[in-house]
Amino acid sequence: MMSTATQDLNKVKSLAKDLGRETPRSPYSSEIAGIILLARVVDKCRSQLVGLIPNKDIYEYGAPADRSLFKQFALDAQSLEAFIATGASDAEIGDWVLANGEKTDAESIAIFNNGWKSKRLADLAPASQAHIEKLLKQANIPEKTDRLRYLIDVLDAKDGRF
């Protein structure tokens, strides 16, 4: 559990997005430490910390995409959350990730980023494919969702960026 002594939830709230009214940053954003997905993870974490996620089924800190980032860079989700809870800026979070993660050199980051940009839906486990297919059908906008081929684009489509 996080120590309340270092938390600054007022500062976190000033940086957080109300995810009931706006979306987190695109998974393509690499504005924090040059790592795609990280800005989105930070947005979800900040919002969750201050109660600005009305529906955790839509935006949950620690979702499968988040876990892939944690795993790739050997980041502990709770430690990252505790650091974000201090009210750290994007730049400070980026520095923390680079200092506390593993394989955070430019080459490893590029491999992770490109791997995510090219992760095809067809390459996912069958259960994941079926789940995503169900969600895309529920969206009921086939003119947009029928052309999705990459997992990262599904996240953007979920946020209405298509």
N, C-alpha and C. Protein backbone atom coordinates (compact mmCIF):
# COMPACT_ATOMS: atom_id res chain seq x y z
N MET A 1 0.84 -1.19 0.00
CA MET A 1 0.00 0.00 0.00
C MET A 1 0.88 1.24 0.00
N MET A 2 0.43 2.28 -0.67
CA MET A 2 1.20 3.50 -0.79
C MET A 2 1.21 4.27 0.52
N SER A 3 2.31 4.93 0.79
CA SER A 3 2.40 5.79 1.96
C SER A 3 1.70 7.11 1.67
N THR A 4 0.80 7.50 2.58
CA THR A 4 0.08 8.76 2.39
C THR A 4 0.98 9.95 2.63
N ALA A 5 2.12 9.76 3.29
CA ALA A 5 3.03 10.86 3.60
C ALA A 5 3.60 11.50 2.34
N THR A 6 3.77 10.73 1.30
CA THR A 6 4.37 11.27 0.08
C THR A 6 3.34 11.61 -0.98
N GLN A 7 2.11 11.28 -0.75
CA GLN A 7 1.07 11.56 -1.74
C GLN A 7 0.74 13.05 -1.76
N ASP A 8 0.45 13.53 -2.95
CA ASP A 8 -0.06 14.89 -3.11
C ASP A 8 -1.22 14.79 -4.10
N LEU A 9 -2.36 14.30 -3.59
CA LEU A 9 -3.49 14.05 -4.47
C LEU A 9 -4.10 15.32 -5.02
N ASN A 10 -3.89 16.45 -4.37
CA ASN A 10 -4.35 17.72 -4.95
C ASN A 10 -3.57 18.02 -6.23
N LYS A 11 -2.28 17.78 -6.18
CA LYS A 11 -1.46 17.99 -7.39
C LYS A 11 -1.83 16.96 -8.46
N VAL A 12 -2.02 15.72 -8.03
CA VAL A 12 -2.43 14.68 -8.99
C VAL A 12 -3.73 15.10 -9.67
N LYS A 13 -4.68 15.59 -8.88
CA LYS A 13 -5.98 15.99 -9.43
C LYS A 13 -5.82 17.12 -10.45
N SER A 14 -4.89 18.03 -10.21
CA SER A 14 -4.68 19.12 -11.17
C SER A 14 -4.09 18.62 -12.48
N LEU A 15 -3.46 17.46 -12.46
CA LEU A 15 -2.86 16.88 -13.67
C LEU A 15 -3.76 15.82 -14.33
N ALA A 16 -4.74 15.33 -13.57
CA ALA A 16 -5.57 14.21 -14.04
C ALA A 16 -6.62 14.65 -15.04
N LYS A 17 -7.00 13.71 -15.88
CA LYS A 17 -8.10 13.91 -16.82
C LYS A 17 -9.35 13.26 -16.22
N ASP A 18 -10.49 13.87 -16.45
CA ASP A 18 -11.76 13.26 -16.08
C ASP A 18 -12.12 12.31 -17.21
N LEU A 19 -11.87 11.03 -17.00
CA LEU A 19 -12.06 10.05 -18.06
C LEU A 19 -13.52 9.73 -18.34
N GLY A 20 -14.42 10.39 -17.66
CA GLY A 20 -15.83 10.34 -18.01
C GLY A 20 -16.16 11.38 -19.08
N ARG A 21 -15.26 12.35 -19.25
CA ARG A 21 -15.50 13.45 -20.19
C ARG A 21 -14.49 13.53 -21.33
N GLU A 22 -13.32 12.98 -21.10
CA GLU A 22 -12.28 13.00 -22.14
C GLU A 22 -11.52 11.68 -22.09
N THR A 23 -10.77 11.43 -23.09
CA THR A 23 -10.04 10.17 -23.18
C THR A 23 -8.59 10.35 -22.72
N PRO A 24 -7.96 9.25 -22.33
CA PRO A 24 -6.53 9.34 -22.05
C PRO A 24 -5.78 9.60 -23.36
N ARG A 25 -4.53 9.93 -23.23
CA ARG A 25 -3.73 10.15 -24.44
C ARG A 25 -3.67 8.89 -25.29
N SER A 26 -3.45 9.09 -26.56
CA SER A 26 -3.39 7.99 -27.51
C SER A 26 -2.31 7.00 -27.11
N PRO A 27 -2.55 5.71 -27.36
CA PRO A 27 -1.49 4.73 -27.09
C PRO A 27 -0.25 4.99 -27.96
N TYR A 28 -0.43 5.70 -29.06
CA TYR A 28 0.71 6.04 -29.92
C TYR A 28 1.60 7.12 -29.32
N SER A 29 1.09 7.87 -28.34
CA SER A 29 1.87 8.95 -27.75
C SER A 29 3.15 8.41 -27.12
N SER A 30 4.26 9.02 -27.49
CA SER A 30 5.55 8.65 -26.89
C SER A 30 6.15 9.85 -26.17
N GLU A 31 5.29 10.75 -25.73
CA GLU A 31 5.78 11.99 -25.13
C GLU A 31 6.40 11.82 -23.75
N ILE A 32 6.20 10.67 -23.12
CA ILE A 32 6.86 10.42 -21.84
C ILE A 32 7.95 9.37 -22.07
N ALA A 33 9.19 9.78 -21.92
CA ALA A 33 10.37 8.92 -22.03
C ALA A 33 10.50 8.25 -23.40
N GLY A 34 9.75 8.71 -24.39
CA GLY A 34 9.84 8.11 -25.72
C GLY A 34 9.17 6.76 -25.83
N ILE A 35 8.37 6.40 -24.83
CA ILE A 35 7.75 5.06 -24.77
C ILE A 35 6.26 5.18 -25.08
N ILE A 36 5.82 4.48 -26.13
CA ILE A 36 4.39 4.48 -26.43
C ILE A 36 3.66 3.76 -25.29
N LEU A 37 2.39 4.04 -25.15
CA LEU A 37 1.50 3.53 -24.10
C LEU A 37 1.71 4.21 -22.74
N LEU A 38 2.91 4.72 -22.46
CA LEU A 38 3.20 5.24 -21.12
C LEU A 38 2.33 6.45 -20.76
N ALA A 39 2.14 7.38 -21.68
CA ALA A 39 1.31 8.55 -21.37
C ALA A 39 -0.13 8.11 -21.07
N ARG A 40 -0.62 7.13 -21.80
CA ARG A 40 -1.97 6.61 -21.55
C ARG A 40 -2.05 5.96 -20.18
N VAL A 41 -1.04 5.18 -19.82
CA VAL A 41 -0.99 4.53 -18.51
C VAL A 41 -0.98 5.59 -17.41
N VAL A 42 -0.19 6.63 -17.58
CA VAL A 42 -0.11 7.70 -16.58
C VAL A 42 -1.46 8.40 -16.44
N ASP A 43 -2.12 8.68 -17.56
CA ASP A 43 -3.43 9.33 -17.50
C ASP A 43 -4.43 8.47 -16.73
N LYS A 44 -4.43 7.17 -17.00
CA LYS A 44 -5.36 6.28 -16.29
C LYS A 44 -5.03 6.19 -14.82
N CYS A 45 -3.76 6.13 -14.49
CA CYS A 45 -3.36 6.03 -13.08
C CYS A 45 -3.75 7.29 -12.33
N ARG A 46 -3.41 8.45 -12.87
CA ARG A 46 -3.78 9.70 -12.20
C ARG A 46 -5.29 9.78 -11.96
N SER A 47 -6.04 9.45 -12.99
CA SER A 47 -7.49 9.55 -12.89
C SER A 47 -8.04 8.56 -11.87
N GLN A 48 -7.49 7.38 -11.84
CA GLN A 48 -7.94 6.38 -10.87
C GLN A 48 -7.61 6.83 -9.45
N LEU A 49 -6.44 7.42 -9.26
CA LEU A 49 -6.03 7.87 -7.92
C LEU A 49 -6.99 8.89 -7.33
N VAL A 50 -7.57 9.73 -8.18
CA VAL A 50 -8.43 10.81 -7.68
C VAL A 50 -9.91 10.60 -8.02
N GLY A 51 -10.26 9.38 -8.42
CA GLY A 51 -11.67 9.04 -8.63
C GLY A 51 -12.30 9.61 -9.87
N LEU A 52 -11.52 9.80 -10.91
CA LEU A 52 -12.05 10.36 -12.15
C LEU A 52 -12.18 9.32 -13.26
N ILE A 53 -12.34 8.07 -12.87
CA ILE A 53 -12.63 6.99 -13.83
C ILE A 53 -14.01 6.46 -13.45
N PRO A 54 -15.06 6.89 -14.17
CA PRO A 54 -16.40 6.45 -13.80
C PRO A 54 -16.66 4.98 -14.12
N ASN A 55 -15.92 4.41 -15.07
CA ASN A 55 -16.16 3.04 -15.48
C ASN A 55 -14.82 2.34 -15.67
N LYS A 56 -14.41 1.55 -14.66
CA LYS A 56 -13.11 0.88 -14.74
C LYS A 56 -13.05 -0.17 -15.84
N ASP A 57 -14.20 -0.60 -16.35
CA ASP A 57 -14.20 -1.55 -17.46
C ASP A 57 -13.65 -0.90 -18.73
N ILE A 58 -13.73 0.41 -18.81
CA ILE A 58 -13.25 1.12 -19.99
C ILE A 58 -11.80 1.56 -19.82
N TYR A 59 -11.50 2.17 -18.69
CA TYR A 59 -10.14 2.68 -18.44
C TYR A 59 -9.69 2.23 -17.06
N GLU A 60 -8.92 1.18 -17.03
CA GLU A 60 -8.44 0.67 -15.77
C GLU A 60 -6.92 0.69 -15.77
N TYR A 61 -6.35 1.28 -14.73
CA TYR A 61 -4.90 1.21 -14.55
C TYR A 61 -4.55 -0.24 -14.26
N GLY A 62 -3.62 -0.77 -15.03
CA GLY A 62 -3.22 -2.16 -14.87
C GLY A 62 -3.92 -3.11 -15.83
N ALA A 63 -4.57 -2.55 -16.85
CA ALA A 63 -5.22 -3.36 -17.88
C ALA A 63 -4.15 -4.16 -18.65
N PRO A 64 -4.56 -5.11 -19.48
CA PRO A 64 -3.58 -5.94 -20.18
C PRO A 64 -2.52 -5.15 -20.96
N ALA A 65 -2.89 -4.08 -21.65
CA ALA A 65 -1.89 -3.30 -22.38
C ALA A 65 -0.89 -2.68 -21.40
N ASP A 66 -1.39 -2.19 -20.27
CA ASP A 66 -0.52 -1.61 -19.24
C ASP A 66 0.46 -2.67 -18.74
N ARG A 67 -0.05 -3.85 -18.51
CA ARG A 67 0.79 -4.94 -17.99
C ARG A 67 1.90 -5.31 -18.97
N SER A 68 1.64 -5.17 -20.26
CA SER A 68 2.70 -5.47 -21.23
C SER A 68 3.83 -4.46 -21.10
N LEU A 69 3.49 -3.21 -20.83
CA LEU A 69 4.51 -2.18 -20.61
C LEU A 69 5.28 -2.47 -19.32
N PHE A 70 4.55 -2.79 -18.24
CA PHE A 70 5.21 -3.10 -16.97
C PHE A 70 6.17 -4.28 -17.14
N LYS A 71 5.71 -5.31 -17.83
CA LYS A 71 6.54 -6.50 -18.03
C LYS A 71 7.77 -6.18 -18.87
N GLN A 72 7.60 -5.49 -19.98
CA GLN A 72 8.71 -5.18 -20.87
C GLN A 72 9.84 -4.44 -20.15
N PHE A 73 9.46 -3.49 -19.31
CA PHE A 73 10.47 -2.65 -18.66
C PHE A 73 10.69 -3.02 -17.19
N ALA A 74 10.15 -4.18 -16.79
CA ALA A 74 10.30 -4.69 -15.42
C ALA A 74 9.92 -3.62 -14.39
N LEU A 75 8.76 -3.01 -14.62
CA LEU A 75 8.25 -1.98 -13.71
C LEU A 75 7.21 -2.60 -12.78
N ASP A 76 7.28 -2.26 -11.53
CA ASP A 76 6.28 -2.67 -10.56
C ASP A 76 5.13 -1.67 -10.62
N ALA A 77 3.94 -2.13 -10.96
CA ALA A 77 2.78 -1.25 -11.13
C ALA A 77 2.49 -0.45 -9.87
N GLN A 78 2.62 -1.07 -8.71
CA GLN A 78 2.34 -0.37 -7.45
C GLN A 78 3.39 0.70 -7.16
N SER A 79 4.63 0.43 -7.47
CA SER A 79 5.68 1.43 -7.27
C SER A 79 5.50 2.62 -8.19
N LEU A 80 5.14 2.33 -9.44
CA LEU A 80 4.88 3.42 -10.38
C LEU A 80 3.68 4.24 -9.91
N GLU A 81 2.63 3.56 -9.47
CA GLU A 81 1.45 4.25 -8.96
C GLU A 81 1.81 5.14 -7.76
N ALA A 82 2.63 4.61 -6.86
CA ALA A 82 3.04 5.39 -5.68
C ALA A 82 3.82 6.63 -6.10
N PHE A 83 4.65 6.51 -7.13
CA PHE A 83 5.41 7.68 -7.59
C PHE A 83 4.47 8.69 -8.25
N ILE A 84 3.55 8.22 -9.06
CA ILE A 84 2.58 9.11 -9.70
C ILE A 84 1.75 9.83 -8.64
N ALA A 85 1.45 9.14 -7.55
CA ALA A 85 0.64 9.71 -6.46
C ALA A 85 1.32 10.88 -5.75
N THR A 86 2.61 11.06 -5.98
CA THR A 86 3.32 12.19 -5.38
C THR A 86 3.00 13.49 -6.10
N GLY A 87 2.32 13.38 -7.24
CA GLY A 87 2.03 14.56 -8.05
C GLY A 87 3.12 14.84 -9.07
N ALA A 88 3.91 13.81 -9.36
CA ALA A 88 5.01 13.96 -10.31
C ALA A 88 4.51 14.40 -11.68
N SER A 89 5.31 15.22 -12.34
CA SER A 89 5.01 15.67 -13.70
C SER A 89 5.32 14.55 -14.69
N ASP A 90 4.90 14.73 -15.93
CA ASP A 90 5.22 13.75 -16.97
C ASP A 90 6.73 13.55 -17.09
N ALA A 91 7.48 14.65 -17.07
CA ALA A 91 8.94 14.56 -17.20
C ALA A 91 9.55 13.79 -16.04
N GLU A 92 9.06 14.05 -14.83
CA GLU A 92 9.56 13.34 -13.66
C GLU A 92 9.22 11.86 -13.73
N ILE A 93 8.03 11.55 -14.21
CA ILE A 93 7.64 10.14 -14.36
C ILE A 93 8.52 9.47 -15.40
N GLY A 94 8.77 10.14 -16.50
CA GLY A 94 9.66 9.58 -17.53
C GLY A 94 11.04 9.29 -16.97
N ASP A 95 11.58 10.24 -16.21
CA ASP A 95 12.90 10.03 -15.59
C ASP A 95 12.86 8.85 -14.62
N TRP A 96 11.77 8.74 -13.85
CA TRP A 96 11.63 7.65 -12.88
C TRP A 96 11.60 6.30 -13.62
N VAL A 97 10.83 6.22 -14.69
CA VAL A 97 10.73 4.97 -15.44
C VAL A 97 12.10 4.58 -16.01
N LEU A 98 12.79 5.54 -16.59
CA LEU A 98 14.11 5.24 -17.16
C LEU A 98 15.11 4.82 -16.09
N ALA A 99 15.01 5.40 -14.90
CA ALA A 99 15.94 5.08 -13.81
C ALA A 99 15.58 3.78 -13.10
N ASN A 100 14.30 3.45 -13.01
CA ASN A 100 13.86 2.30 -12.23
C ASN A 100 13.51 1.07 -13.06
N GLY A 101 13.35 1.26 -14.36
CA GLY A 101 13.02 0.14 -15.22
C GLY A 101 14.26 -0.57 -15.72
N GLU A 102 14.02 -1.64 -16.41
CA GLU A 102 15.10 -2.39 -17.06
C GLU A 102 14.91 -2.27 -18.57
N LYS A 103 15.97 -2.46 -19.30
CA LYS A 103 15.94 -2.39 -20.77
C LYS A 103 15.29 -1.08 -21.23
N THR A 104 15.77 0.04 -20.67
CA THR A 104 15.22 1.35 -21.02
C THR A 104 16.17 2.13 -21.93
N ASP A 105 17.10 1.44 -22.55
CA ASP A 105 17.98 2.09 -23.52
C ASP A 105 17.19 2.36 -24.80
N ALA A 106 17.70 3.22 -25.65
CA ALA A 106 16.99 3.64 -26.86
C ALA A 106 16.61 2.47 -27.75
N GLU A 107 17.50 1.51 -27.90
CA GLU A 107 17.22 0.36 -28.77
C GLU A 107 16.07 -0.49 -28.21
N SER A 108 16.08 -0.76 -26.91
CA SER A 108 15.01 -1.56 -26.30
C SER A 108 13.67 -0.85 -26.38
N ILE A 109 13.69 0.46 -26.19
CA ILE A 109 12.45 1.24 -26.30
C ILE A 109 11.93 1.18 -27.73
N ALA A 110 12.81 1.31 -28.71
CA ALA A 110 12.39 1.25 -30.11
C ALA A 110 11.79 -0.12 -30.45
N ILE A 111 12.39 -1.17 -29.93
CA ILE A 111 11.87 -2.52 -30.18
C ILE A 111 10.48 -2.67 -29.57
N PHE A 112 10.29 -2.19 -28.34
CA PHE A 112 8.97 -2.25 -27.71
C PHE A 112 7.96 -1.44 -28.51
N ASN A 113 8.31 -0.20 -28.82
CA ASN A 113 7.39 0.67 -29.56
C ASN A 113 6.99 0.05 -30.89
N ASN A 114 7.95 -0.42 -31.65
CA ASN A 114 7.64 -1.00 -32.95
C ASN A 114 6.88 -2.31 -32.83
N GLY A 115 7.18 -3.07 -31.80
CA GLY A 115 6.43 -4.30 -31.57
C GLY A 115 4.96 -4.01 -31.31
N TRP A 116 4.69 -2.99 -30.51
CA TRP A 116 3.31 -2.63 -30.23
C TRP A 116 2.61 -2.07 -31.46
N LYS A 117 3.31 -1.27 -32.23
CA LYS A 117 2.70 -0.68 -33.43
C LYS A 117 2.37 -1.74 -34.46
N SER A 118 3.04 -2.87 -34.40
CA SER A 118 2.82 -3.91 -35.41
C SER A 118 2.12 -5.16 -34.87
N LYS A 119 1.61 -5.09 -33.63
CA LYS A 119 0.93 -6.24 -33.03
C LYS A 119 -0.45 -6.42 -33.67
N ARG A 120 -0.53 -7.41 -34.56
CA ARG A 120 -1.78 -7.67 -35.29
C ARG A 120 -2.78 -8.41 -34.43
N LEU A 121 -4.04 -8.10 -34.64
CA LEU A 121 -5.10 -8.80 -33.93
C LEU A 121 -5.02 -10.30 -34.19
N ALA A 122 -4.67 -10.66 -35.41
CA ALA A 122 -4.58 -12.07 -35.79
C ALA A 122 -3.49 -12.82 -35.03
N ASP A 123 -2.55 -12.09 -34.43
CA ASP A 123 -1.46 -12.73 -33.70
C ASP A 123 -1.77 -12.94 -32.21
N LEU A 124 -2.92 -12.44 -31.76
CA LEU A 124 -3.30 -12.58 -30.36
C LEU A 124 -3.83 -13.98 -30.07
N ALA A 125 -3.88 -14.32 -28.82
CA ALA A 125 -4.45 -15.60 -28.40
C ALA A 125 -5.91 -15.66 -28.86
N PRO A 126 -6.41 -16.83 -29.18
CA PRO A 126 -7.80 -16.95 -29.66
C PRO A 126 -8.84 -16.29 -28.74
N ALA A 127 -8.71 -16.45 -27.43
CA ALA A 127 -9.68 -15.85 -26.52
C ALA A 127 -9.64 -14.32 -26.61
N SER A 128 -8.46 -13.76 -26.76
CA SER A 128 -8.33 -12.30 -26.90
C SER A 128 -8.94 -11.83 -28.20
N GLN A 129 -8.71 -12.59 -29.27
CA GLN A 129 -9.31 -12.23 -30.56
C GLN A 129 -10.83 -12.24 -30.46
N ALA A 130 -11.38 -13.26 -29.84
CA ALA A 130 -12.85 -13.36 -29.71
C ALA A 130 -13.39 -12.20 -28.87
N HIS A 131 -12.70 -11.86 -27.80
CA HIS A 131 -13.14 -10.75 -26.94
C HIS A 131 -13.12 -9.43 -27.71
N ILE A 132 -12.07 -9.18 -28.43
CA ILE A 132 -11.97 -7.92 -29.20
C ILE A 132 -13.02 -7.89 -30.30
N GLU A 133 -13.22 -9.01 -30.96
CA GLU A 133 -14.24 -9.09 -32.01
C GLU A 133 -15.63 -8.76 -31.44
N LYS A 134 -15.92 -9.28 -30.26
CA LYS A 134 -17.20 -9.00 -29.60
C LYS A 134 -17.34 -7.49 -29.31
N LEU A 135 -16.28 -6.89 -28.79
CA LEU A 135 -16.31 -5.46 -28.49
C LEU A 135 -16.49 -4.62 -29.75
N LEU A 136 -15.83 -5.02 -30.82
CA LEU A 136 -15.95 -4.27 -32.08
C LEU A 136 -17.37 -4.37 -32.64
N LYS A 137 -17.97 -5.54 -32.53
CA LYS A 137 -19.36 -5.69 -32.98
C LYS A 137 -20.31 -4.85 -32.13
N GLN A 138 -20.06 -4.80 -30.82
CA GLN A 138 -20.89 -4.00 -29.92
C GLN A 138 -20.81 -2.51 -30.24
N ALA A 139 -19.67 -2.08 -30.74
CA ALA A 139 -19.51 -0.66 -31.09
C ALA A 139 -20.48 -0.27 -32.20
N ASN A 140 -20.85 -1.23 -33.04
CA ASN A 140 -21.83 -1.04 -34.10
C ASN A 140 -21.46 0.10 -35.06
N ILE A 141 -20.20 0.18 -35.41
CA ILE A 141 -19.75 1.14 -36.41
C ILE A 141 -18.80 0.40 -37.39
N PRO A 142 -19.35 -0.57 -38.11
CA PRO A 142 -18.50 -1.41 -38.96
C PRO A 142 -17.69 -0.62 -39.99
N GLU A 143 -18.20 0.53 -40.41
CA GLU A 143 -17.44 1.31 -41.39
C GLU A 143 -16.10 1.77 -40.82
N LYS A 144 -15.97 1.76 -39.50
CA LYS A 144 -14.70 2.11 -38.87
C LYS A 144 -13.99 0.89 -38.31
N THR A 145 -14.72 0.02 -37.65
CA THR A 145 -14.08 -1.09 -36.94
C THR A 145 -13.70 -2.26 -37.84
N ASP A 146 -14.37 -2.43 -38.97
CA ASP A 146 -14.05 -3.56 -39.84
C ASP A 146 -12.65 -3.48 -40.43
N ARG A 147 -12.07 -2.30 -40.46
CA ARG A 147 -10.74 -2.16 -41.05
C ARG A 147 -9.60 -2.23 -40.03
N LEU A 148 -9.93 -2.43 -38.76
CA LEU A 148 -8.90 -2.48 -37.74
C LEU A 148 -8.12 -3.79 -37.83
N ARG A 149 -6.82 -3.67 -37.85
CA ARG A 149 -5.95 -4.84 -37.96
C ARG A 149 -4.92 -4.93 -36.83
N TYR A 150 -4.69 -3.81 -36.14
CA TYR A 150 -3.64 -3.75 -35.12
C TYR A 150 -4.24 -3.43 -33.76
N LEU A 151 -3.73 -4.07 -32.74
CA LEU A 151 -4.24 -3.90 -31.39
C LEU A 151 -4.18 -2.44 -30.94
N ILE A 152 -3.12 -1.74 -31.25
CA ILE A 152 -2.98 -0.35 -30.83
C ILE A 152 -4.08 0.52 -31.44
N ASP A 153 -4.51 0.18 -32.65
CA ASP A 153 -5.59 0.93 -33.29
C ASP A 153 -6.94 0.66 -32.62
N VAL A 154 -7.10 -0.53 -32.05
CA VAL A 154 -8.33 -0.83 -31.32
C VAL A 154 -8.45 0.11 -30.12
N LEU A 155 -7.32 0.34 -29.43
CA LEU A 155 -7.34 1.26 -28.29
C LEU A 155 -7.71 2.67 -28.73
N ASP A 156 -7.15 3.12 -29.84
CA ASP A 156 -7.48 4.45 -30.37
C ASP A 156 -8.95 4.50 -30.81
N ALA A 157 -9.43 3.43 -31.43
CA ALA A 157 -10.83 3.41 -31.88
C ALA A 157 -11.77 3.45 -30.67
N LYS A 158 -11.40 2.77 -29.61
CA LYS A 158 -12.22 2.77 -28.39
C LYS A 158 -12.39 4.19 -27.86
N ASP A 159 -11.39 5.02 -28.08
CA ASP A 159 -11.42 6.41 -27.62
C ASP A 159 -12.04 7.35 -28.64
N GLY A 160 -12.52 6.80 -29.77
CA GLY A 160 -13.18 7.64 -30.77
C GLY A 160 -12.21 8.42 -31.65
N ARG A 161 -10.98 7.98 -31.75
CA ARG A 161 -9.99 8.70 -32.55
C ARG A 161 -10.06 8.36 -34.04
N PHE A 162 -10.96 7.49 -34.42
CA PHE A 162 -11.09 7.12 -35.85
C PHE A 162 -12.24 7.86 -36.45
